[in-house]
């Protein structure tokens, strides 16, 4: 039987550690090496804003941007260290968990996703930046 989006998200959420928005904020404030990735498409980020300092790397491009065997021009420069702490976010956390699982499957060792995503971040009272793409 084919997997549904919900099935894939459930699998990813069982394999990738989640953090609350408050835990995410604490990580951001305490670890200058932390990379926050927002895996939404640019239009979605523009509608709701982006967590301050987050890199916009869509879920559709994350696989090749994180792959060191791809031509350098196709890679994302902040994804060169597989041991770098990474937190993935999206709107509510579902796509973030998929992005986190993808990175883990690719050998990244310190990946978490923000449960509740950017919506949870804003609901917790934290600011977002405007995104112009």
Protein backbone atom coordinates (compact mmCIF):
# COMPACT_ATOMS: atom_id res chain seq x y z
CA UNK A 1 0.00 0.00 0.00
CA UNK A 2 1.27 3.46 -0.89
CA UNK A 3 2.21 5.88 1.88
CA UNK A 4 0.19 9.04 2.33
CA UNK A 5 1.58 12.43 3.29
CA UNK A 6 0.23 11.82 6.80
CA UNK A 7 2.02 8.44 6.93
CA UNK A 8 5.31 10.01 5.88
CA UNK A 9 4.96 12.83 8.42
CA UNK A 10 4.18 10.34 11.20
CA UNK A 11 7.23 8.30 10.29
CA UNK A 12 9.44 11.39 10.18
CA UNK A 13 8.12 12.68 13.49
CA UNK A 14 8.92 9.34 15.11
CA UNK A 15 12.50 9.49 13.84
CA UNK A 16 13.45 13.17 14.19
CA UNK A 17 13.62 14.89 17.56
CA UNK A 18 11.19 17.76 17.96
CA UNK A 19 11.66 20.95 19.94
CA UNK A 20 9.02 23.36 21.16
CA UNK A 21 9.16 26.98 20.03
CA UNK A 22 10.53 27.92 23.48
CA UNK A 23 13.26 25.28 23.17
CA UNK A 24 14.00 26.49 19.64
CA UNK A 25 14.36 30.07 20.90
CA UNK A 26 16.73 28.93 23.65
CA UNK A 27 18.85 27.02 21.10
CA UNK A 28 18.96 30.03 18.79
CA UNK A 29 19.96 32.35 21.63
CA UNK A 30 22.68 30.03 22.94
CA UNK A 31 24.30 28.50 19.84
CA UNK A 32 25.66 30.81 17.18
CA UNK A 33 26.57 27.81 15.02
CA UNK A 34 22.94 26.61 14.86
CA UNK A 35 21.45 26.62 11.36
CA UNK A 36 17.70 27.15 11.15
CA UNK A 37 16.16 26.07 7.86
CA UNK A 38 12.65 27.00 6.73
CA UNK A 39 11.60 24.41 4.13
CA UNK A 40 8.52 26.24 2.84
CA UNK A 41 8.31 27.71 -0.66
CA UNK A 42 9.14 31.40 -0.94
CA UNK A 43 5.51 32.42 -1.48
CA UNK A 44 4.44 30.68 1.74
CA UNK A 45 7.25 32.30 3.72
CA UNK A 46 6.38 35.72 2.28
CA UNK A 47 2.78 35.30 3.52
CA UNK A 48 3.65 34.58 7.15
CA UNK A 49 7.24 35.67 7.72
CA UNK A 50 10.34 33.71 8.65
CA UNK A 51 12.08 33.01 11.95
CA UNK A 52 14.92 35.53 12.36
CA UNK A 53 18.15 34.27 10.82
CA UNK A 54 16.57 31.23 9.17
CA UNK A 55 17.78 30.09 5.77
CA UNK A 56 14.99 29.58 3.23
CA UNK A 57 15.72 26.23 1.57
CA UNK A 58 12.56 24.68 0.16
CA UNK A 59 11.84 21.03 0.85
CA UNK A 60 11.94 20.41 -2.89
CA UNK A 61 15.54 21.61 -3.16
CA UNK A 62 16.90 20.50 0.21
CA UNK A 63 18.04 17.08 -1.02
CA UNK A 64 20.42 18.38 -3.65
CA UNK A 65 21.46 21.48 -1.71
CA UNK A 66 22.61 19.22 1.15
CA UNK A 67 24.40 16.72 -1.12
CA UNK A 68 28.19 17.19 -1.22
CA UNK A 69 28.41 15.14 -4.43
CA UNK A 70 26.42 17.76 -6.38
CA UNK A 71 28.23 20.54 -8.24
CA UNK A 72 29.27 23.24 -5.78
CA UNK A 73 26.97 25.80 -7.40
CA UNK A 74 23.98 23.59 -6.53
CA UNK A 75 24.93 23.09 -2.87
CA UNK A 76 23.92 25.40 -0.04
CA UNK A 77 27.09 26.79 1.56
CA UNK A 78 25.75 26.44 5.12
CA UNK A 79 25.14 22.70 4.73
CA UNK A 80 28.77 21.61 4.39
CA UNK A 81 29.15 20.24 7.93
CA UNK A 82 27.00 17.16 8.63
CA UNK A 83 27.61 17.57 12.38
CA UNK A 84 26.42 21.19 12.52
CA UNK A 85 23.32 21.63 14.70
CA UNK A 86 20.28 22.16 12.48
CA UNK A 87 16.67 22.99 13.27
CA UNK A 88 14.08 22.72 10.52
CA UNK A 89 10.81 24.64 10.49
CA UNK A 90 7.80 25.22 8.24
CA UNK A 91 4.26 26.45 8.90
CA UNK A 92 3.13 23.89 11.50
CA UNK A 93 5.95 21.32 11.67
CA UNK A 94 4.84 18.60 9.24
CA UNK A 95 7.10 19.54 6.34
CA UNK A 96 9.85 20.41 8.82
CA UNK A 97 9.83 16.84 10.12
CA UNK A 98 10.13 15.57 6.53
CA UNK A 99 13.06 17.91 5.95
CA UNK A 100 14.68 16.76 9.17
CA UNK A 101 14.28 13.11 8.20
CA UNK A 102 15.73 13.80 4.76
CA UNK A 103 18.80 15.40 6.35
CA UNK A 104 19.18 12.53 8.82
CA UNK A 105 18.89 10.02 5.97
CA UNK A 106 21.68 11.95 4.23
CA UNK A 107 23.97 11.57 7.24
CA UNK A 108 23.37 14.78 9.17
CA UNK A 109 23.83 13.95 12.83
CA UNK A 110 22.32 16.80 14.84
CA UNK A 111 18.90 17.59 13.36
CA UNK A 112 15.69 18.65 15.09
CA UNK A 113 12.44 20.14 13.87
CA UNK A 114 10.27 22.82 15.43
CA UNK A 115 6.94 21.34 16.51
CA UNK A 116 4.26 23.84 15.64
CA UNK A 117 6.55 25.51 13.11
CA UNK A 118 6.43 29.22 12.45
CA UNK A 119 2.81 29.39 13.59
CA UNK A 120 3.81 27.96 16.97
CA UNK A 121 6.76 30.34 17.08
CA UNK A 122 4.46 33.34 16.56
CA UNK A 123 1.85 31.95 18.97
CA UNK A 124 4.59 31.81 21.62
CA UNK A 125 5.08 35.55 21.15
CA UNK A 126 8.31 35.49 19.13
CA UNK A 127 8.86 37.85 16.23
CA UNK A 128 9.29 36.86 12.60
CA UNK A 129 11.13 38.72 9.86
CA UNK A 130 9.52 39.75 6.61
CA UNK A 131 10.72 37.66 3.70
CA UNK A 132 11.20 39.13 0.26
CA UNK A 133 12.74 36.07 -1.36
